[in-house]
C-alpha atoms as a PDB file:
ATOM      1  CA  UNK A   1     -13.180   2.301  20.266  1.00  0.00           C
ATOM      2  CA  UNK A   2     -14.568  -0.141  17.765  1.00  0.00           C
ATOM      3  CA  UNK A   3     -12.038  -2.623  16.341  1.00  0.00           C
ATOM      4  CA  UNK A   4     -12.917  -4.179  12.741  1.00  0.00           C
ATOM      5  CA  UNK A   5     -12.401  -8.025  12.555  1.00  0.00           C
ATOM      6  CA  UNK A   6      -9.010  -9.603  11.752  1.00  0.00           C
ATOM      7  CA  UNK A   7      -8.027  -8.866   8.389  1.00  0.00           C
ATOM      8  CA  UNK A   8      -7.154 -11.952   5.881  1.00  0.00           C
ATOM      9  CA  UNK A   9      -3.999 -10.300   5.331  1.00  0.00           C
ATOM     10  CA  UNK A  10      -2.607 -10.599   8.907  1.00  0.00           C
ATOM     11  CA  UNK A  11      -0.960 -13.569  10.700  1.00  0.00           C
ATOM     12  CA  UNK A  12      -3.207 -15.647  12.869  1.00  0.00           C
ATOM     13  CA  UNK A  13      -4.187 -13.999  16.048  1.00  0.00           C
ATOM     14  CA  UNK A  14      -3.098 -10.292  15.095  1.00  0.00           C
ATOM     15  CA  UNK A  15      -5.695  -7.626  14.785  1.00  0.00           C
ATOM     16  CA  UNK A  16      -5.158  -5.648  11.407  1.00  0.00           C
ATOM     17  CA  UNK A  17      -6.517  -2.005  11.109  1.00  0.00           C
ATOM     18  CA  UNK A  18      -6.515   0.112   7.723  1.00  0.00           C
ATOM     19  CA  UNK A  19      -5.014   3.536   8.143  1.00  0.00           C
ATOM     20  CA  UNK A  20      -5.714   5.639   5.193  1.00  0.00           C
ATOM     21  CA  UNK A  21      -6.083   9.363   4.765  1.00  0.00           C
ATOM     22  CA  UNK A  22      -4.953  10.186   8.282  1.00  0.00           C
ATOM     23  CA  UNK A  23      -7.286   7.973   9.937  1.00  0.00           C
ATOM     24  CA  UNK A  24      -8.471   4.470  10.705  1.00  0.00           C
ATOM     25  CA  UNK A  25     -11.070   3.363   8.350  1.00  0.00           C
ATOM     26  CA  UNK A  26     -13.248   0.134   7.503  1.00  0.00           C
ATOM     27  CA  UNK A  27     -11.863  -1.974   4.779  1.00  0.00           C
ATOM     28  CA  UNK A  28     -14.147  -2.657   1.804  1.00  0.00           C
ATOM     29  CA  UNK A  29     -11.490  -5.271   0.224  1.00  0.00           C
ATOM     30  CA  UNK A  30     -11.668  -8.953   1.026  1.00  0.00           C
ATOM     31  CA  UNK A  31      -8.985 -11.413   0.248  1.00  0.00           C
ATOM     32  CA  UNK A  32     -10.046 -13.804  -2.509  1.00  0.00           C
ATOM     33  CA  UNK A  33      -9.685 -17.588  -0.961  1.00  0.00           C
ATOM     34  CA  UNK A  34      -7.976 -20.110  -3.165  1.00  0.00           C
ATOM     35  CA  UNK A  35     -10.195 -21.747  -5.798  1.00  0.00           C
ATOM     36  CA  UNK A  36     -12.849 -18.941  -5.558  1.00  0.00           C
ATOM     37  CA  UNK A  37     -13.671 -16.724  -8.439  1.00  0.00           C
ATOM     38  CA  UNK A  38     -14.229 -13.059  -7.988  1.00  0.00           C
ATOM     39  CA  UNK A  39     -17.910 -12.266  -7.326  1.00  0.00           C
ATOM     40  CA  UNK A  40     -19.495  -9.270  -5.673  1.00  0.00           C
ATOM     41  CA  UNK A  41     -17.532  -6.548  -4.135  1.00  0.00           C
ATOM     42  CA  UNK A  42     -13.810  -5.738  -4.116  1.00  0.00           C
ATOM     43  CA  UNK A  43     -11.521  -8.522  -3.751  1.00  0.00           C
ATOM     44  CA  UNK A  44      -7.752  -8.698  -3.291  1.00  0.00           C
ATOM     45  CA  UNK A  45      -5.854 -11.688  -4.965  1.00  0.00           C
ATOM     46  CA  UNK A  46      -2.430 -13.148  -4.914  1.00  0.00           C
ATOM     47  CA  UNK A  47      -0.443 -12.492  -8.015  1.00  0.00           C
ATOM     48  CA  UNK A  48      -0.805 -16.220  -8.735  1.00  0.00           C
ATOM     49  CA  UNK A  49      -4.552 -16.174  -8.395  1.00  0.00           C
ATOM     50  CA  UNK A  50      -4.503 -13.234 -10.771  1.00  0.00           C
ATOM     51  CA  UNK A  51      -2.305 -14.581 -13.598  1.00  0.00           C
ATOM     52  CA  UNK A  52      -4.315 -18.237 -13.441  1.00  0.00           C
ATOM     53  CA  UNK A  53      -7.208 -16.299 -14.629  1.00  0.00           C
ATOM     54  CA  UNK A  54      -5.765 -15.739 -17.803  1.00  0.00           C
ATOM     55  CA  UNK A  55      -8.050 -14.008 -20.314  1.00  0.00           C
ATOM     56  CA  UNK A  56     -10.891 -14.219 -17.950  1.00  0.00           C
ATOM     57  CA  UNK A  57      -9.181 -11.156 -16.195  1.00  0.00           C
ATOM     58  CA  UNK A  58     -10.932  -8.937 -18.818  1.00  0.00           C
ATOM     59  CA  UNK A  59     -14.659 -10.049 -17.817  1.00  0.00           C
ATOM     60  CA  UNK A  60     -14.478  -9.045 -14.116  1.00  0.00           C
ATOM     61  CA  UNK A  61     -16.794  -6.504 -13.450  1.00  0.00           C
ATOM     62  CA  UNK A  62     -15.905  -5.757  -9.662  1.00  0.00           C
ATOM     63  CA  UNK A  63     -13.019  -3.735  -8.395  1.00  0.00           C
ATOM     64  CA  UNK A  64      -9.738  -6.096  -8.027  1.00  0.00           C
ATOM     65  CA  UNK A  65      -6.499  -5.692  -6.313  1.00  0.00           C
ATOM     66  CA  UNK A  66      -3.478  -7.884  -6.703  1.00  0.00           C
ATOM     67  CA  UNK A  67      -1.053  -8.489  -3.648  1.00  0.00           C
ATOM     68  CA  UNK A  68       2.657  -8.917  -4.410  1.00  0.00           C
ATOM     69  CA  UNK A  69       4.795 -10.614  -2.152  1.00  0.00           C
ATOM     70  CA  UNK A  70       8.442  -9.409  -1.447  1.00  0.00           C
ATOM     71  CA  UNK A  71      10.057 -11.514  -4.273  1.00  0.00           C
ATOM     72  CA  UNK A  72       7.435 -10.769  -6.870  1.00  0.00           C
ATOM     73  CA  UNK A  73       7.986  -8.288  -9.448  1.00  0.00           C
ATOM     74  CA  UNK A  74       5.718  -5.293 -10.623  1.00  0.00           C
ATOM     75  CA  UNK A  75       6.420  -6.357 -14.270  1.00  0.00           C
ATOM     76  CA  UNK A  76       3.950  -9.101 -13.899  1.00  0.00           C
ATOM     77  CA  UNK A  77       0.929  -6.808 -13.433  1.00  0.00           C
ATOM     78  CA  UNK A  78       1.787  -3.840 -15.772  1.00  0.00           C
ATOM     79  CA  UNK A  79      -0.173  -5.298 -18.630  1.00  0.00           C
ATOM     80  CA  UNK A  80      -3.135  -5.299 -16.352  1.00  0.00           C
ATOM     81  CA  UNK A  81      -2.512  -2.137 -14.337  1.00  0.00           C
ATOM     82  CA  UNK A  82      -5.485  -0.402 -15.820  1.00  0.00           C
ATOM     83  CA  UNK A  83      -7.792  -3.149 -14.692  1.00  0.00           C
ATOM     84  CA  UNK A  84      -6.506  -3.009 -11.125  1.00  0.00           C
ATOM     85  CA  UNK A  85      -8.017  -0.567  -8.368  1.00  0.00           C
ATOM     86  CA  UNK A  86      -5.440  -1.660  -5.699  1.00  0.00           C
ATOM     87  CA  UNK A  87      -1.887  -3.048  -5.401  1.00  0.00           C
ATOM     88  CA  UNK A  88      -0.884  -4.378  -1.886  1.00  0.00           C
ATOM     89  CA  UNK A  89       2.787  -4.543  -1.493  1.00  0.00           C
ATOM     90  CA  UNK A  90       4.322  -6.843   1.247  1.00  0.00           C
ATOM     91  CA  UNK A  91       6.679  -5.958   3.816  1.00  0.00           C
ATOM     92  CA  UNK A  92       7.551  -9.388   5.287  1.00  0.00           C
ATOM     93  CA  UNK A  93       9.938  -7.901   7.690  1.00  0.00           C
ATOM     94  CA  UNK A  94      11.374  -4.491   9.103  1.00  0.00           C
ATOM     95  CA  UNK A  95      14.472  -4.775   6.942  1.00  0.00           C
ATOM     96  CA  UNK A  96      13.199  -5.578   3.434  1.00  0.00           C
ATOM     97  CA  UNK A  97      12.653  -2.633   1.866  1.00  0.00           C
ATOM     98  CA  UNK A  98      11.691  -4.025  -1.841  1.00  0.00           C
ATOM     99  CA  UNK A  99       8.082  -2.537  -1.645  1.00  0.00           C
ATOM    100  CA  UNK A 100       9.341   0.962  -1.276  1.00  0.00           C
ATOM    101  CA  UNK A 101      10.988   0.695  -4.947  1.00  0.00           C
ATOM    102  CA  UNK A 102       7.854  -1.260  -6.160  1.00  0.00           C
ATOM    103  CA  UNK A 103       5.574   1.528  -4.962  1.00  0.00           C
ATOM    104  CA  UNK A 104       7.817   4.251  -6.581  1.00  0.00           C
ATOM    105  CA  UNK A 105       7.658   2.542  -9.754  1.00  0.00           C
ATOM    106  CA  UNK A 106       4.142   2.189  -9.948  1.00  0.00           C
ATOM    107  CA  UNK A 107       3.395   5.910  -9.307  1.00  0.00           C
ATOM    108  CA  UNK A 108       6.455   7.197 -10.875  1.00  0.00           C
ATOM    109  CA  UNK A 109       7.299   5.320 -13.876  1.00  0.00           C
ATOM    110  CA  UNK A 110       3.813   4.026 -14.549  1.00  0.00           C
ATOM    111  CA  UNK A 111       1.514   6.435 -13.373  1.00  0.00           C
ATOM    112  CA  UNK A 112      -0.751   4.029 -11.215  1.00  0.00           C
ATOM    113  CA  UNK A 113      -3.603   6.051  -9.670  1.00  0.00           C
ATOM    114  CA  UNK A 114      -5.275   3.414  -7.708  1.00  0.00           C
ATOM    115  CA  UNK A 115      -4.445   2.591  -4.176  1.00  0.00           C
ATOM    116  CA  UNK A 116      -1.081   1.298  -3.149  1.00  0.00           C
ATOM    117  CA  UNK A 117      -1.473  -0.455   0.168  1.00  0.00           C
ATOM    118  CA  UNK A 118       1.724  -1.512   2.546  1.00  0.00           C
ATOM    119  CA  UNK A 119       0.767  -4.871   4.243  1.00  0.00           C
ATOM    120  CA  UNK A 120       2.990  -7.004   6.375  1.00  0.00           C
ATOM    121  CA  UNK A 121       5.511  -5.278   8.921  1.00  0.00           C
ATOM    122  CA  UNK A 122       4.168  -1.730   8.617  1.00  0.00           C
ATOM    123  CA  UNK A 123       5.972   0.347  11.305  1.00  0.00           C
ATOM    124  CA  UNK A 124       5.333   3.888  12.641  1.00  0.00           C
ATOM    125  CA  UNK A 125       8.634   5.374  11.714  1.00  0.00           C
ATOM    126  CA  UNK A 126       8.230   4.237   8.189  1.00  0.00           C
ATOM    127  CA  UNK A 127       4.895   5.584   7.462  1.00  0.00           C
ATOM    128  CA  UNK A 128       5.968   9.043   6.012  1.00  0.00           C
ATOM    129  CA  UNK A 129       8.565   7.467   3.900  1.00  0.00           C
ATOM    130  CA  UNK A 130       6.369   4.886   2.496  1.00  0.00           C
ATOM    131  CA  UNK A 131       3.632   7.767   1.609  1.00  0.00           C
ATOM    132  CA  UNK A 132       6.645   9.684  -0.137  1.00  0.00           C
ATOM    133  CA  UNK A 133       7.242   6.604  -2.299  1.00  0.00           C
ATOM    134  CA  UNK A 134       3.413   6.582  -3.262  1.00  0.00           C
ATOM    135  CA  UNK A 135       1.717   4.419  -0.840  1.00  0.00           C
ATOM    136  CA  UNK A 136      -1.697   5.620   0.255  1.00  0.00           C
ATOM    137  CA  UNK A 137      -2.824   2.903   2.493  1.00  0.00           C
ATOM    138  CA  UNK A 138      -1.367   1.117   5.542  1.00  0.00           C
ATOM    139  CA  UNK A 139      -2.592  -2.278   6.741  1.00  0.00           C
ATOM    140  CA  UNK A 140      -1.347  -2.003  10.194  1.00  0.00           C
ATOM    141  CA  UNK A 141      -1.055  -5.081  12.844  1.00  0.00           C
ATOM    142  CA  UNK A 142       2.037  -3.676  14.752  1.00  0.00           C
ATOM    143  CA  UNK A 143       0.711  -2.779  18.434  1.00  0.00           C
ATOM    144  CA  UNK A 144       2.810   0.129  19.108  1.00  0.00           C
ATOM    145  CA  UNK A 145       2.095   1.513  15.629  1.00  0.00           C
ATOM    146  CA  UNK A 146      -1.750   1.097  16.225  1.00  0.00           C
ATOM    147  CA  UNK A 147      -1.287   2.915  19.758  1.00  0.00           C
ATOM    148  CA  UNK A 148       0.716   5.647  18.254  1.00  0.00           C
ATOM    149  CA  UNK A 149      -1.676   6.311  15.613  1.00  0.00           C
ATOM    150  CA  UNK A 150      -4.738   5.930  17.688  1.00  0.00           C
ATOM    151  CA  UNK A 151      -2.857   8.423  20.067  1.00  0.00           C
ATOM    152  CA  UNK A 152      -2.654  10.968  17.217  1.00  0.00           C
ATOM    153  CA  UNK A 153       0.999  10.579  16.955  1.00  0.00           C
ATOM    154  CA  UNK A 154       1.970  11.157  13.279  1.00  0.00           C
ATOM    155  CA  UNK A 155       5.445  10.982  11.751  1.00  0.00           C
ATOM    156  CA  UNK A 156       6.646  14.269  10.472  1.00  0.00           C
ATOM    157  CA  UNK A 157       9.996  14.927   9.020  1.00  0.00           C
ATOM    158  CA  UNK A 158      10.349  18.284   6.822  1.00  0.00           C
ATOM    159  CA  UNK A 159      13.497  18.087   4.824  1.00  0.00           C
ATOM    160  CA  UNK A 160      14.397  15.449   1.977  1.00  0.00           C
ATOM    161  CA  UNK A 161      17.114  15.015  -0.451  1.00  0.00           C
ATOM    162  CA  UNK A 162      14.609  14.198  -3.359  1.00  0.00           C
ATOM    163  CA  UNK A 163      10.980  14.889  -4.256  1.00  0.00           C
ATOM    164  CA  UNK A 164       8.765  12.281  -3.371  1.00  0.00           C
ATOM    165  CA  UNK A 165       5.332  10.594  -4.756  1.00  0.00           C
ATOM    166  CA  UNK A 166       3.059  11.015  -1.913  1.00  0.00           C
ATOM    167  CA  UNK A 167       2.598  14.261  -0.600  1.00  0.00           C
ATOM    168  CA  UNK A 168       2.839  18.172  -1.032  1.00  0.00           C
ATOM    169  CA  UNK A 169       6.493  19.359  -1.214  1.00  0.00           C
ATOM    170  CA  UNK A 170       8.576  22.418  -2.651  1.00  0.00           C
ATOM    171  CA  UNK A 171      12.281  22.838  -3.194  1.00  0.00           C
ATOM    172  CA  UNK A 172      13.718  23.945   0.169  1.00  0.00           C
ATOM    173  CA  UNK A 173      16.208  26.591  -1.462  1.00  0.00           C
ATOM    174  CA  UNK A 174      16.690  27.570  -5.373  1.00  0.00           C
ATOM    175  CA  UNK A 175      20.400  27.449  -4.796  1.00  0.00           C
ATOM    176  CA  UNK A 176      20.095  23.495  -3.843  1.00  0.00           C
ATOM    177  CA  UNK A 177      18.168  21.653  -6.425  1.00  0.00           C
ATOM    178  CA  UNK A 178      18.469  18.412  -4.288  1.00  0.00           C
ATOM    179  CA  UNK A 179      16.800  19.670  -1.251  1.00  0.00           C
ATOM    180  CA  UNK A 180      13.130  19.315  -0.629  1.00  0.00           C
ATOM    181  CA  UNK A 181      11.037  20.484   2.086  1.00  0.00           C
ATOM    182  CA  UNK A 182       7.470  19.324   3.116  1.00  0.00           C
ATOM    183  CA  UNK A 183       4.822  21.871   2.546  1.00  0.00           C
ATOM    184  CA  UNK A 184       3.186  21.670   6.165  1.00  0.00           C
END
C-alpha cells in the first residue's frame, strides 16, 4: 500500500494519512509556512496567519483553510466563515474534547458547509463521535487507528441520546424523543 509523505500537521517523524468518506485519500491541502502568502492551490494557515492578513483576506483567490488550536475560539473566524473551505480543529491529546464542541457549533449554529477536519490525537474509537459532531475528514497519525482503518475496521454504534450533525439518523422510538438510532 502506498503511503503519502508526512503531512505538515504531524509531529516530527509521524506519518499522517487523511481519512475521508470511508477511505484514505490524497490530501490536496498544504500547510502555509510562516511568512509566506497564499498562492496557488489550497492552503491551511494558522489562526494567527489568517488574522494577520487583515483586509487582504478578501483578495485571496485560492481555497483557504484555518487551523484552530485547542485554546482558540471559533468566534475568531465567524466573520470570514463564508471565505473558508476548510476548518481544521486540533485534538492535542486524547482527553481534550474542546474540538467536539467547536465542530458542532460550526455545523449546527453556523451552518458551515466546508470540510471540518480533525487533526492531532485522532483515535479510532472517537471517529464516529467526531462524525456525529460534524467532522468529515480525519488526519490520522495514531498507528493503531491507521492499522484498524487499513484493515477495514470502522467504529459503529447504533443508539444515541441526541441527534448528530454528521450522519443519517432517525428517531429510535416515537415514545422516546431523546433516543436516536443510526440508519444503517
